[in-house]
């Protein structure tokens, strides 16, 4: 069985502290693999903004200075190139780094939700 989540469904998880913490942990792990430190305070009400404000300048810097490394980071996070192209195509005036950051946060949240879904399914078996 495949689990398919839409962006509108992801917002229901934004207020669940355990999901937020696991997502932050996943982001910290993925960026740490490339030598970037992401810090999460644990405050659920500002989690998205806190992570967004740390990741966006990294994405912008990588885009301007080391595009190959940016692609490696996105590959590790498992961000499909099609998702990037689609979001960029459908955006008007938003800047590149903000769009990529949104995609990264969405993908990391989906990974956590999917992992928890399958853990729950195994427990029921």
PDB file of N, CA and C in Angstrom:
ATOM      1  N   UNK A   1       0.835  -1.176   0.000  1.00  0.00           N
ATOM      2  CA  UNK A   1       0.000   0.000   0.000  1.00  0.00           C
ATOM      3  C   UNK A   1       0.886   1.247   0.000  1.00  0.00           C
ATOM      4  N   UNK A   2       0.558   2.200  -0.820  1.00  0.00           N
ATOM      5  CA  UNK A   2       1.334   3.421  -0.934  1.00  0.00           C
ATOM      6  C   UNK A   2       0.627   4.553  -0.189  1.00  0.00           C
ATOM      7  N   UNK A   3       1.404   5.353   0.480  1.00  0.00           N
ATOM      8  CA  UNK A   3       0.848   6.506   1.179  1.00  0.00           C
ATOM      9  C   UNK A   3       1.192   7.747   0.362  1.00  0.00           C
ATOM     10  N   UNK A   4       0.177   8.511  -0.004  1.00  0.00           N
ATOM     11  CA  UNK A   4       0.376   9.711  -0.801  1.00  0.00           C
ATOM     12  C   UNK A   4      -0.209  10.893  -0.044  1.00  0.00           C
ATOM     13  N   UNK A   5       0.651  11.839   0.272  1.00  0.00           N
ATOM     14  CA  UNK A   5       0.230  12.997   1.053  1.00  0.00           C
ATOM     15  C   UNK A   5       0.257  14.243   0.190  1.00  0.00           C
ATOM     16  N   UNK A   6      -0.773  15.021   0.316  1.00  0.00           N
ATOM     17  CA  UNK A   6      -0.844  16.303  -0.362  1.00  0.00           C
ATOM     18  C   UNK A   6      -0.407  17.380   0.623  1.00  0.00           C
ATOM     19  N   UNK A   7       0.049  18.510   0.087  1.00  0.00           N
ATOM     20  CA  UNK A   7       0.506  19.606   0.934  1.00  0.00           C
ATOM     21  C   UNK A   7      -0.567  20.034   1.924  1.00  0.00           C
ATOM     22  N   UNK A   8      -1.819  20.078   1.497  1.00  0.00           N
ATOM     23  CA  UNK A   8      -2.904  20.480   2.391  1.00  0.00           C
ATOM     24  C   UNK A   8      -3.037  19.526   3.579  1.00  0.00           C
ATOM     25  N   UNK A   9      -2.742  18.250   3.369  1.00  0.00           N
ATOM     26  CA  UNK A   9      -2.809  17.279   4.453  1.00  0.00           C
ATOM     27  C   UNK A   9      -1.642  17.429   5.419  1.00  0.00           C
ATOM     28  N   UNK A  10      -0.511  17.903   4.941  1.00  0.00           N
ATOM     29  CA  UNK A  10       0.669  18.034   5.792  1.00  0.00           C
ATOM     30  C   UNK A  10       0.463  19.050   6.903  1.00  0.00           C
ATOM     31  N   UNK A  11      -0.336  20.064   6.643  1.00  0.00           N
ATOM     32  CA  UNK A  11      -0.557  21.105   7.642  1.00  0.00           C
ATOM     33  C   UNK A  11      -1.198  20.551   8.915  1.00  0.00           C
ATOM     34  N   UNK A  12      -1.893  19.428   8.830  1.00  0.00           N
ATOM     35  CA  UNK A  12      -2.503  18.834  10.018  1.00  0.00           C
ATOM     36  C   UNK A  12      -1.450  18.323  10.992  1.00  0.00           C
ATOM     37  N   UNK A  13      -0.234  18.095  10.525  1.00  0.00           N
ATOM     38  CA  UNK A  13       0.839  17.575  11.376  1.00  0.00           C
ATOM     39  C   UNK A  13       1.685  18.680  12.004  1.00  0.00           C
ATOM     40  N   UNK A  14       1.496  19.923  11.573  1.00  0.00           N
ATOM     41  CA  UNK A  14       2.334  21.019  12.044  1.00  0.00           C
ATOM     42  C   UNK A  14       2.186  21.295  13.534  1.00  0.00           C
ATOM     43  N   UNK A  15       1.098  20.860  14.157  1.00  0.00           N
ATOM     44  CA  UNK A  15       0.897  21.112  15.577  1.00  0.00           C
ATOM     45  C   UNK A  15       1.187  19.895  16.448  1.00  0.00           C
ATOM     46  N   UNK A  16       1.732  18.868  15.891  1.00  0.00           N
ATOM     47  CA  UNK A  16       2.062  17.673  16.656  1.00  0.00           C
ATOM     48  C   UNK A  16       3.547  17.719  16.996  1.00  0.00           C
ATOM     49  N   UNK A  17       3.837  18.000  18.253  1.00  0.00           N
ATOM     50  CA  UNK A  17       5.214  18.226  18.686  1.00  0.00           C
ATOM     51  C   UNK A  17       6.139  17.069  18.331  1.00  0.00           C
ATOM     52  N   UNK A  18       5.690  15.837  18.488  1.00  0.00           N
ATOM     53  CA  UNK A  18       6.575  14.706  18.186  1.00  0.00           C
ATOM     54  C   UNK A  18       6.930  14.673  16.699  1.00  0.00           C
ATOM     55  N   UNK A  19       5.982  14.974  15.829  1.00  0.00           N
ATOM     56  CA  UNK A  19       6.239  14.997  14.383  1.00  0.00           C
ATOM     57  C   UNK A  19       7.170  16.151  14.044  1.00  0.00           C
ATOM     58  N   UNK A  20       6.926  17.303  14.655  1.00  0.00           N
ATOM     59  CA  UNK A  20       7.775  18.475  14.428  1.00  0.00           C
ATOM     60  C   UNK A  20       9.201  18.181  14.869  1.00  0.00           C
ATOM     61  N   UNK A  21       9.356  17.563  16.043  1.00  0.00           N
ATOM     62  CA  UNK A  21      10.696  17.258  16.558  1.00  0.00           C
ATOM     63  C   UNK A  21      11.410  16.247  15.657  1.00  0.00           C
ATOM     64  N   UNK A  22      10.692  15.220  15.234  1.00  0.00           N
ATOM     65  CA  UNK A  22      11.297  14.225  14.341  1.00  0.00           C
ATOM     66  C   UNK A  22      11.691  14.843  13.006  1.00  0.00           C
ATOM     67  N   UNK A  23      10.875  15.759  12.506  1.00  0.00           N
ATOM     68  CA  UNK A  23      11.187  16.442  11.251  1.00  0.00           C
ATOM     69  C   UNK A  23      12.426  17.313  11.425  1.00  0.00           C
ATOM     70  N   UNK A  24      12.490  18.048  12.520  1.00  0.00           N
ATOM     71  CA  UNK A  24      13.669  18.868  12.798  1.00  0.00           C
ATOM     72  C   UNK A  24      14.910  17.996  12.921  1.00  0.00           C
ATOM     73  N   UNK A  25      14.787  16.858  13.595  1.00  0.00           N
ATOM     74  CA  UNK A  25      15.915  15.930  13.733  1.00  0.00           C
ATOM     75  C   UNK A  25      16.381  15.433  12.367  1.00  0.00           C
ATOM     76  N   UNK A  26      15.436  15.132  11.482  1.00  0.00           N
ATOM     77  CA  UNK A  26      15.780  14.660  10.138  1.00  0.00           C
ATOM     78  C   UNK A  26      16.502  15.757   9.350  1.00  0.00           C
ATOM     79  N   UNK A  27      16.007  16.980   9.458  1.00  0.00           N
ATOM     80  CA  UNK A  27      16.639  18.116   8.777  1.00  0.00           C
ATOM     81  C   UNK A  27      18.052  18.329   9.307  1.00  0.00           C
ATOM     82  N   UNK A  28      18.198  18.304  10.632  1.00  0.00           N
ATOM     83  CA  UNK A  28      19.512  18.478  11.259  1.00  0.00           C
ATOM     84  C   UNK A  28      20.475  17.410  10.754  1.00  0.00           C
ATOM     85  N   UNK A  29      20.031  16.180  10.713  1.00  0.00           N
ATOM     86  CA  UNK A  29      20.864  15.058  10.253  1.00  0.00           C
ATOM     87  C   UNK A  29      21.278  15.238   8.796  1.00  0.00           C
ATOM     88  N   UNK A  30      20.333  15.571   7.931  1.00  0.00           N
ATOM     89  CA  UNK A  30      20.636  15.691   6.509  1.00  0.00           C
ATOM     90  C   UNK A  30      21.578  16.848   6.209  1.00  0.00           C
ATOM     91  N   UNK A  31      21.386  17.980   6.866  1.00  0.00           N
ATOM     92  CA  UNK A  31      22.276  19.116   6.622  1.00  0.00           C
ATOM     93  C   UNK A  31      23.628  18.925   7.284  1.00  0.00           C
ATOM     94  N   UNK A  32      23.654  18.242   8.427  1.00  0.00           N
ATOM     95  CA  UNK A  32      24.913  17.967   9.120  1.00  0.00           C
ATOM     96  C   UNK A  32      25.836  17.102   8.261  1.00  0.00           C
ATOM     97  N   UNK A  33      25.264  16.240   7.433  1.00  0.00           N
ATOM     98  CA  UNK A  33      26.068  15.389   6.553  1.00  0.00           C
ATOM     99  C   UNK A  33      26.916  16.224   5.592  1.00  0.00           C
ATOM    100  N   UNK A  34      26.531  17.481   5.384  1.00  0.00           N
ATOM    101  CA  UNK A  34      27.280  18.375   4.499  1.00  0.00           C
ATOM    102  C   UNK A  34      27.994  19.488   5.270  1.00  0.00           C
ATOM    103  N   UNK A  35      28.018  19.350   6.603  1.00  0.00           N
ATOM    104  CA  UNK A  35      28.738  20.305   7.430  1.00  0.00           C
ATOM    105  C   UNK A  35      27.956  21.544   7.813  1.00  0.00           C
ATOM    106  N   UNK A  36      26.629  21.515   7.661  1.00  0.00           N
ATOM    107  CA  UNK A  36      25.797  22.664   8.011  1.00  0.00           C
ATOM    108  C   UNK A  36      25.043  22.377   9.301  1.00  0.00           C
ATOM    109  N   UNK A  37      25.147  23.306  10.229  1.00  0.00           N
ATOM    110  CA  UNK A  37      24.483  23.154  11.524  1.00  0.00           C
ATOM    111  C   UNK A  37      23.126  23.840  11.503  1.00  0.00           C
ATOM    112  N   UNK A  38      22.097  23.069  11.754  1.00  0.00           N
ATOM    113  CA  UNK A  38      20.740  23.582  11.906  1.00  0.00           C
ATOM    114  C   UNK A  38      20.379  23.384  13.367  1.00  0.00           C
ATOM    115  N   UNK A  39      19.838  24.409  13.984  1.00  0.00           N
ATOM    116  CA  UNK A  39      19.490  24.347  15.405  1.00  0.00           C
ATOM    117  C   UNK A  39      17.980  24.502  15.538  1.00  0.00           C
ATOM    118  N   UNK A  40      17.388  23.626  16.336  1.00  0.00           N
ATOM    119  CA  UNK A  40      15.957  23.680  16.592  1.00  0.00           C
ATOM    120  C   UNK A  40      15.738  23.872  18.080  1.00  0.00           C
ATOM    121  N   UNK A  41      14.992  24.900  18.435  1.00  0.00           N
ATOM    122  CA  UNK A  41      14.774  25.244  19.843  1.00  0.00           C
ATOM    123  C   UNK A  41      13.783  24.313  20.535  1.00  0.00           C
ATOM    124  N   UNK A  42      12.946  23.632  19.738  1.00  0.00           N
ATOM    125  CA  UNK A  42      11.925  22.779  20.323  1.00  0.00           C
ATOM    126  C   UNK A  42      10.596  23.484  20.511  1.00  0.00           C
ATOM    127  N   UNK A  43      10.528  24.735  20.131  1.00  0.00           N
ATOM    128  CA  UNK A  43       9.285  25.491  20.256  1.00  0.00           C
ATOM    129  C   UNK A  43       8.406  25.213  19.039  1.00  0.00           C
ATOM    130  N   UNK A  44       7.336  24.450  19.256  1.00  0.00           N
ATOM    131  CA  UNK A  44       6.518  23.995  18.141  1.00  0.00           C
ATOM    132  C   UNK A  44       5.819  25.124  17.394  1.00  0.00           C
ATOM    133  N   UNK A  45       5.452  26.185  18.073  1.00  0.00           N
ATOM    134  CA  UNK A  45       4.697  27.262  17.415  1.00  0.00           C
ATOM    135  C   UNK A  45       5.524  28.042  16.411  1.00  0.00           C
ATOM    136  N   UNK A  46       6.838  28.014  16.545  1.00  0.00           N
ATOM    137  CA  UNK A  46       7.700  28.739  15.610  1.00  0.00           C
ATOM    138  C   UNK A  46       8.620  27.810  14.833  1.00  0.00           C
ATOM    139  N   UNK A  47       8.360  26.525  14.907  1.00  0.00           N
ATOM    140  CA  UNK A  47       9.246  25.541  14.293  1.00  0.00           C
ATOM    141  C   UNK A  47       9.448  25.790  12.808  1.00  0.00           C
ATOM    142  N   UNK A  48       8.353  25.930  12.071  1.00  0.00           N
ATOM    143  CA  UNK A  48       8.462  26.109  10.629  1.00  0.00           C
ATOM    144  C   UNK A  48       9.288  27.363  10.308  1.00  0.00           C
ATOM    145  N   UNK A  49       8.957  28.476  10.948  1.00  0.00           N
ATOM    146  CA  UNK A  49       9.664  29.722  10.685  1.00  0.00           C
ATOM    147  C   UNK A  49      11.128  29.627  11.083  1.00  0.00           C
ATOM    148  N   UNK A  50      11.377  28.991  12.222  1.00  0.00           N
ATOM    149  CA  UNK A  50      12.744  28.839  12.723  1.00  0.00           C
ATOM    150  C   UNK A  50      13.602  28.046  11.735  1.00  0.00           C
ATOM    151  N   UNK A  51      13.077  26.924  11.282  1.00  0.00           N
ATOM    152  CA  UNK A  51      13.811  26.097  10.334  1.00  0.00           C
ATOM    153  C   UNK A  51      13.922  26.795   8.981  1.00  0.00           C
ATOM    154  N   UNK A  52      12.847  27.422   8.548  1.00  0.00           N
ATOM    155  CA  UNK A  52      12.832  28.138   7.267  1.00  0.00           C
ATOM    156  C   UNK A  52      13.912  29.223   7.246  1.00  0.00           C
ATOM    157  N   UNK A  53      14.011  29.974   8.335  1.00  0.00           N
ATOM    158  CA  UNK A  53      14.969  31.082   8.405  1.00  0.00           C
ATOM    159  C   UNK A  53      16.421  30.608   8.436  1.00  0.00           C
ATOM    160  N   UNK A  54      16.663  29.381   8.862  1.00  0.00           N
ATOM    161  CA  UNK A  54      18.022  28.845   8.864  1.00  0.00           C
ATOM    162  C   UNK A  54      18.386  28.203   7.523  1.00  0.00           C
ATOM    163  N   UNK A  55      17.424  27.536   6.919  1.00  0.00           N
ATOM    164  CA  UNK A  55      17.701  26.798   5.685  1.00  0.00           C
ATOM    165  C   UNK A  55      17.774  27.729   4.476  1.00  0.00           C
ATOM    166  N   UNK A  56      16.916  28.728   4.409  1.00  0.00           N
ATOM    167  CA  UNK A  56      16.863  29.603   3.230  1.00  0.00           C
ATOM    168  C   UNK A  56      18.211  30.243   2.896  1.00  0.00           C
ATOM    169  N   UNK A  57      18.920  30.833   3.856  1.00  0.00           N
ATOM    170  CA  UNK A  57      20.228  31.424   3.499  1.00  0.00           C
ATOM    171  C   UNK A  57      21.247  30.372   3.043  1.00  0.00           C
ATOM    172  N   UNK A  58      21.155  29.157   3.595  1.00  0.00           N
ATOM    173  CA  UNK A  58      22.053  28.087   3.144  1.00  0.00           C
ATOM    174  C   UNK A  58      21.779  27.733   1.683  1.00  0.00           C
ATOM    175  N   UNK A  59      20.505  27.609   1.355  1.00  0.00           N
ATOM    176  CA  UNK A  59      20.119  27.288  -0.019  1.00  0.00           C
ATOM    177  C   UNK A  59      20.581  28.398  -0.957  1.00  0.00           C
ATOM    178  N   UNK A  60      20.366  29.640  -0.542  1.00  0.00           N
ATOM    179  CA  UNK A  60      20.773  30.779  -1.367  1.00  0.00           C
ATOM    180  C   UNK A  60      22.285  30.796  -1.583  1.00  0.00           C
ATOM    181  N   UNK A  61      23.027  30.568  -0.521  1.00  0.00           N
ATOM    182  CA  UNK A  61      24.484  30.551  -0.625  1.00  0.00           C
ATOM    183  C   UNK A  61      24.961  29.415  -1.528  1.00  0.00           C
ATOM    184  N   UNK A  62      24.393  28.242  -1.342  1.00  0.00           N
ATOM    185  CA  UNK A  62      24.775  27.111  -2.193  1.00  0.00           C
ATOM    186  C   UNK A  62      24.412  27.368  -3.647  1.00  0.00           C
ATOM    187  N   UNK A  63      23.260  27.937  -3.884  1.00  0.00           N
ATOM    188  CA  UNK A  63      22.833  28.234  -5.250  1.00  0.00           C
ATOM    189  C   UNK A  63      23.802  29.210  -5.921  1.00  0.00           C
ATOM    190  N   UNK A  64      24.286  30.175  -5.158  1.00  0.00           N
ATOM    191  CA  UNK A  64      25.184  31.186  -5.711  1.00  0.00           C
ATOM    192  C   UNK A  64      26.639  30.737  -5.796  1.00  0.00           C
ATOM    193  N   UNK A  65      27.055  29.859  -4.872  1.00  0.00           N
ATOM    194  CA  UNK A  65      28.477  29.541  -4.761  1.00  0.00           C
ATOM    195  C   UNK A  65      28.861  28.094  -5.063  1.00  0.00           C
ATOM    196  N   UNK A  66      27.925  27.171  -4.886  1.00  0.00           N
ATOM    197  CA  UNK A  66      28.279  25.771  -5.089  1.00  0.00           C
ATOM    198  C   UNK A  66      27.029  24.985  -5.487  1.00  0.00           C
ATOM    199  N   UNK A  67      26.590  25.188  -6.702  1.00  0.00           N
ATOM    200  CA  UNK A  67      25.350  24.576  -7.191  1.00  0.00           C
ATOM    201  C   UNK A  67      25.417  23.046  -7.141  1.00  0.00           C
ATOM    202  N   UNK A  68      26.589  22.493  -7.411  1.00  0.00           N
ATOM    203  CA  UNK A  68      26.740  21.034  -7.369  1.00  0.00           C
ATOM    204  C   UNK A  68      26.477  20.501  -5.955  1.00  0.00           C
ATOM    205  N   UNK A  69      26.973  21.200  -4.964  1.00  0.00           N
ATOM    206  CA  UNK A  69      26.740  20.785  -3.573  1.00  0.00           C
ATOM    207  C   UNK A  69      25.262  20.922  -3.225  1.00  0.00           C
ATOM    208  N   UNK A  70      24.613  21.981  -3.720  1.00  0.00           N
ATOM    209  CA  UNK A  70      23.176  22.146  -3.505  1.00  0.00           C
ATOM    210  C   UNK A  70      22.427  20.947  -4.061  1.00  0.00           C
ATOM    211  N   UNK A  71      22.785  20.528  -5.256  1.00  0.00           N
ATOM    212  CA  UNK A  71      22.124  19.367  -5.867  1.00  0.00           C
ATOM    213  C   UNK A  71      22.385  18.103  -5.051  1.00  0.00           C
ATOM    214  N   UNK A  72      23.576  17.981  -4.473  1.00  0.00           N
ATOM    215  CA  UNK A  72      23.884  16.831  -3.615  1.00  0.00           C
ATOM    216  C   UNK A  72      23.042  16.839  -2.341  1.00  0.00           C
ATOM    217  N   UNK A  73      22.869  18.019  -1.761  1.00  0.00           N
ATOM    218  CA  UNK A  73      22.024  18.148  -0.565  1.00  0.00           C
ATOM    219  C   UNK A  73      20.593  17.743  -0.903  1.00  0.00           C
ATOM    220  N   UNK A  74      20.077  18.274  -2.007  1.00  0.00           N
ATOM    221  CA  UNK A  74      18.703  17.963  -2.408  1.00  0.00           C
ATOM    222  C   UNK A  74      18.549  16.483  -2.750  1.00  0.00           C
ATOM    223  N   UNK A  75      19.587  15.891  -3.324  1.00  0.00           N
ATOM    224  CA  UNK A  75      19.551  14.454  -3.624  1.00  0.00           C
ATOM    225  C   UNK A  75      19.482  13.651  -2.331  1.00  0.00           C
ATOM    226  N   UNK A  76      20.288  14.033  -1.346  1.00  0.00           N
ATOM    227  CA  UNK A  76      20.274  13.316  -0.061  1.00  0.00           C
ATOM    228  C   UNK A  76      18.901  13.407   0.600  1.00  0.00           C
ATOM    229  N   UNK A  77      18.287  14.571   0.508  1.00  0.00           N
ATOM    230  CA  UNK A  77      16.977  14.775   1.112  1.00  0.00           C
ATOM    231  C   UNK A  77      15.900  14.073   0.291  1.00  0.00           C
ATOM    232  N   UNK A  78      16.226  13.715  -0.919  1.00  0.00           N
ATOM    233  CA  UNK A  78      15.318  13.024  -1.842  1.00  0.00           C
ATOM    234  C   UNK A  78      14.257  13.977  -2.396  1.00  0.00           C
ATOM    235  N   UNK A  79      14.728  15.133  -2.825  1.00  0.00           N
ATOM    236  CA  UNK A  79      13.848  16.107  -3.468  1.00  0.00           C
ATOM    237  C   UNK A  79      13.908  15.854  -4.972  1.00  0.00           C
ATOM    238  N   UNK A  80      12.795  15.454  -5.565  1.00  0.00           N
ATOM    239  CA  UNK A  80      12.800  15.201  -7.010  1.00  0.00           C
ATOM    240  C   UNK A  80      12.984  16.486  -7.811  1.00  0.00           C
ATOM    241  N   UNK A  81      13.798  16.414  -8.841  1.00  0.00           N
ATOM    242  CA  UNK A  81      14.042  17.573  -9.690  1.00  0.00           C
ATOM    243  C   UNK A  81      12.740  18.080 -10.310  1.00  0.00           C
ATOM    244  N   UNK A  82      11.818  17.155 -10.581  1.00  0.00           N
ATOM    245  CA  UNK A  82      10.526  17.542 -11.157  1.00  0.00           C
ATOM    246  C   UNK A  82       9.753  18.454 -10.200  1.00  0.00           C
ATOM    247  N   UNK A  83       9.846  18.167  -8.890  1.00  0.00           N
ATOM    248  CA  UNK A  83       9.154  18.991  -7.890  1.00  0.00           C
ATOM    249  C   UNK A  83       9.716  20.408  -7.895  1.00  0.00           C
ATOM    250  N   UNK A  84      11.024  20.512  -8.022  1.00  0.00           N
ATOM    251  CA  UNK A  84      11.666  21.825  -8.068  1.00  0.00           C
ATOM    252  C   UNK A  84      11.207  22.574  -9.314  1.00  0.00           C
ATOM    253  N   UNK A  85      11.294  21.918 -10.447  1.00  0.00           N
ATOM    254  CA  UNK A  85      10.912  22.565 -11.710  1.00  0.00           C
ATOM    255  C   UNK A  85       9.456  22.994 -11.710  1.00  0.00           C
ATOM    256  N   UNK A  86       8.585  22.143 -11.184  1.00  0.00           N
ATOM    257  CA  UNK A  86       7.160  22.461 -11.145  1.00  0.00           C
ATOM    258  C   UNK A  86       6.884  23.685 -10.269  1.00  0.00           C
ATOM    259  N   UNK A  87       7.470  23.690  -9.071  1.00  0.00           N
ATOM    260  CA  UNK A  87       7.252  24.821  -8.157  1.00  0.00           C
ATOM    261  C   UNK A  87       7.833  26.111  -8.729  1.00  0.00           C
ATOM    262  N   UNK A  88       9.002  26.020  -9.345  1.00  0.00           N
ATOM    263  CA  UNK A  88       9.615  27.219  -9.912  1.00  0.00           C
ATOM    264  C   UNK A  88       8.805  27.730 -11.099  1.00  0.00           C
ATOM    265  N   UNK A  89       8.285  26.815 -11.887  1.00  0.00           N
ATOM    266  CA  UNK A  89       7.481  27.179 -13.057  1.00  0.00           C
ATOM    267  C   UNK A  89       6.187  27.883 -12.630  1.00  0.00           C
ATOM    268  N   UNK A  90       5.590  27.413 -11.549  1.00  0.00           N
ATOM    269  CA  UNK A  90       4.316  27.951 -11.080  1.00  0.00           C
ATOM    270  C   UNK A  90       4.464  29.140 -10.143  1.00  0.00           C
ATOM    271  N   UNK A  91       5.678  29.587  -9.909  1.00  0.00           N
ATOM    272  CA  UNK A  91       5.877  30.721  -9.011  1.00  0.00           C
ATOM    273  C   UNK A  91       6.045  31.994  -9.836  1.00  0.00           C
ATOM    274  N   UNK A  92       5.643  33.076  -9.241  1.00  0.00           N
ATOM    275  CA  UNK A  92       5.753  34.354  -9.937  1.00  0.00           C
ATOM    276  C   UNK A  92       6.983  35.116  -9.462  1.00  0.00           C
ATOM    277  N   UNK A  93       6.891  35.701  -8.309  1.00  0.00           N
ATOM    278  CA  UNK A  93       7.963  36.583  -7.866  1.00  0.00           C
ATOM    279  C   UNK A  93       8.735  36.047  -6.662  1.00  0.00           C
ATOM    280  N   UNK A  94       8.412  34.853  -6.217  1.00  0.00           N
ATOM    281  CA  UNK A  94       9.105  34.319  -5.039  1.00  0.00           C
ATOM    282  C   UNK A  94      10.535  33.974  -5.391  1.00  0.00           C
ATOM    283  N   UNK A  95      11.398  34.147  -4.484  1.00  0.00           N
ATOM    284  CA  UNK A  95      12.792  33.869  -4.777  1.00  0.00           C
ATOM    285  C   UNK A  95      13.109  32.377  -4.680  1.00  0.00           C
ATOM    286  N   UNK A  96      14.091  31.987  -5.424  1.00  0.00           N
ATOM    287  CA  UNK A  96      14.506  30.594  -5.569  1.00  0.00           C
ATOM    288  C   UNK A  96      14.736  29.909  -4.223  1.00  0.00           C
ATOM    289  N   UNK A  97      15.525  30.517  -3.356  1.00  0.00           N
ATOM    290  CA  UNK A  97      15.883  29.888  -2.079  1.00  0.00           C
ATOM    291  C   UNK A  97      14.661  29.606  -1.213  1.00  0.00           C
ATOM    292  N   UNK A  98      13.704  30.514  -1.197  1.00  0.00           N
ATOM    293  CA  UNK A  98      12.491  30.313  -0.392  1.00  0.00           C
ATOM    294  C   UNK A  98      11.674  29.145  -0.939  1.00  0.00           C
ATOM    295  N   UNK A  99      11.592  29.043  -2.240  1.00  0.00           N
ATOM    296  CA  UNK A  99      10.842  27.951  -2.861  1.00  0.00           C
ATOM    297  C   UNK A  99      11.498  26.614  -2.557  1.00  0.00           C
ATOM    298  N   UNK A 100      12.809  26.549  -2.701  1.00  0.00           N
ATOM    299  CA  UNK A 100      13.536  25.302  -2.430  1.00  0.00           C
ATOM    300  C   UNK A 100      13.421  24.936  -0.953  1.00  0.00           C
ATOM    301  N   UNK A 101      13.480  25.925  -0.083  1.00  0.00           N
ATOM    302  CA  UNK A 101      13.341  25.658   1.350  1.00  0.00           C
ATOM    303  C   UNK A 101      11.979  25.066   1.655  1.00  0.00           C
ATOM    304  N   UNK A 102      10.929  25.604   1.071  1.00  0.00           N
ATOM    305  CA  UNK A 102       9.587  25.035   1.256  1.00  0.00           C
ATOM    306  C   UNK A 102       9.543  23.572   0.815  1.00  0.00           C
ATOM    307  N   UNK A 103      10.148  23.291  -0.330  1.00  0.00           N
ATOM    308  CA  UNK A 103      10.165  21.922  -0.845  1.00  0.00           C
ATOM    309  C   UNK A 103      10.921  21.000   0.112  1.00  0.00           C
ATOM    310  N   UNK A 104      12.048  21.477   0.636  1.00  0.00           N
ATOM    311  CA  UNK A 104      12.850  20.689   1.574  1.00  0.00           C
ATOM    312  C   UNK A 104      12.046  20.392   2.837  1.00  0.00           C
ATOM    313  N   UNK A 105      11.425  21.417   3.411  1.00  0.00           N
ATOM    314  CA  UNK A 105      10.640  21.218   4.635  1.00  0.00           C
ATOM    315  C   UNK A 105       9.481  20.257   4.394  1.00  0.00           C
ATOM    316  N   UNK A 106       8.822  20.404   3.271  1.00  0.00           N
ATOM    317  CA  UNK A 106       7.714  19.514   2.923  1.00  0.00           C
ATOM    318  C   UNK A 106       8.195  18.072   2.774  1.00  0.00           C
ATOM    319  N   UNK A 107       9.325  17.880   2.098  1.00  0.00           N
ATOM    320  CA  UNK A 107       9.855  16.532   1.875  1.00  0.00           C
ATOM    321  C   UNK A 107      10.288  15.880   3.183  1.00  0.00           C
ATOM    322  N   UNK A 108      10.954  16.647   4.044  1.00  0.00           N
ATOM    323  CA  UNK A 108      11.401  16.089   5.320  1.00  0.00           C
ATOM    324  C   UNK A 108      10.205  15.699   6.185  1.00  0.00           C
ATOM    325  N   UNK A 109       9.160  16.512   6.183  1.00  0.00           N
ATOM    326  CA  UNK A 109       7.944  16.181   6.930  1.00  0.00           C
ATOM    327  C   UNK A 109       7.298  14.921   6.362  1.00  0.00           C
ATOM    328  N   UNK A 110       7.248  14.811   5.055  1.00  0.00           N
ATOM    329  CA  UNK A 110       6.675  13.612   4.429  1.00  0.00           C
ATOM    330  C   UNK A 110       7.464  12.360   4.810  1.00  0.00           C
ATOM    331  N   UNK A 111       8.794  12.479   4.873  1.00  0.00           N
ATOM    332  CA  UNK A 111       9.620  11.323   5.263  1.00  0.00           C
ATOM    333  C   UNK A 111       9.264  10.853   6.666  1.00  0.00           C
ATOM    334  N   UNK A 112       9.125  11.786   7.580  1.00  0.00           N
ATOM    335  CA  UNK A 112       8.804  11.445   8.973  1.00  0.00           C
ATOM    336  C   UNK A 112       7.420  10.813   9.058  1.00  0.00           C
ATOM    337  N   UNK A 113       6.450  11.404   8.397  1.00  0.00           N
ATOM    338  CA  UNK A 113       5.084  10.879   8.435  1.00  0.00           C
ATOM    339  C   UNK A 113       5.028   9.484   7.828  1.00  0.00           C
ATOM    340  N   UNK A 114       5.699   9.301   6.707  1.00  0.00           N
ATOM    341  CA  UNK A 114       5.713   7.992   6.045  1.00  0.00           C
ATOM    342  C   UNK A 114       6.386   6.944   6.928  1.00  0.00           C
ATOM    343  N   UNK A 115       7.517   7.306   7.528  1.00  0.00           N
ATOM    344  CA  UNK A 115       8.236   6.378   8.412  1.00  0.00           C
ATOM    345  C   UNK A 115       7.343   5.981   9.589  1.00  0.00           C
ATOM    346  N   UNK A 116       6.657   6.943  10.187  1.00  0.00           N
ATOM    347  CA  UNK A 116       5.771   6.655  11.316  1.00  0.00           C
ATOM    348  C   UNK A 116       4.575   5.810  10.887  1.00  0.00           C
ATOM    349  N   UNK A 117       4.064   6.070   9.707  1.00  0.00           N
ATOM    350  CA  UNK A 117       2.945   5.293   9.172  1.00  0.00           C
ATOM    351  C   UNK A 117       3.335   3.821   9.066  1.00  0.00           C
ATOM    352  N   UNK A 118       4.502   3.551   8.489  1.00  0.00           N
ATOM    353  CA  UNK A 118       4.922   2.158   8.320  1.00  0.00           C
ATOM    354  C   UNK A 118       5.311   1.493   9.634  1.00  0.00           C
ATOM    355  N   UNK A 119       5.849   2.261  10.585  1.00  0.00           N
ATOM    356  CA  UNK A 119       6.115   1.711  11.917  1.00  0.00           C
ATOM    357  C   UNK A 119       4.811   1.267  12.562  1.00  0.00           C
ATOM    358  N   UNK A 120       3.782   2.100  12.430  1.00  0.00           N
ATOM    359  CA  UNK A 120       2.466   1.800  12.994  1.00  0.00           C
ATOM    360  C   UNK A 120       1.868   0.564  12.314  1.00  0.00           C
ATOM    361  N   UNK A 121       2.038   0.455  11.003  1.00  0.00           N
ATOM    362  CA  UNK A 121       1.510  -0.698  10.265  1.00  0.00           C
ATOM    363  C   UNK A 121       2.189  -1.979  10.714  1.00  0.00           C
ATOM    364  N   UNK A 122       3.499  -1.926  10.974  1.00  0.00           N
ATOM    365  CA  UNK A 122       4.216  -3.114  11.428  1.00  0.00           C
ATOM    366  C   UNK A 122       3.750  -3.559  12.808  1.00  0.00           C
ATOM    367  N   UNK A 123       3.454  -2.599  13.672  1.00  0.00           N
ATOM    368  CA  UNK A 123       2.986  -2.938  15.015  1.00  0.00           C
ATOM    369  C   UNK A 123       1.632  -3.624  14.973  1.00  0.00           C
ATOM    370  N   UNK A 124       0.814  -3.249  13.990  1.00  0.00           N
ATOM    371  CA  UNK A 124      -0.516  -3.850  13.865  1.00  0.00           C
ATOM    372  C   UNK A 124      -0.474  -5.251  13.253  1.00  0.00           C
ATOM    373  N   UNK A 125       0.640  -5.568  12.591  1.00  0.00           N
ATOM    374  CA  UNK A 125       0.743  -6.893  11.925  1.00  0.00           C
ATOM    375  C   UNK A 125       1.060  -8.002  12.892  1.00  0.00           C
TER     376      UNK A 125
END
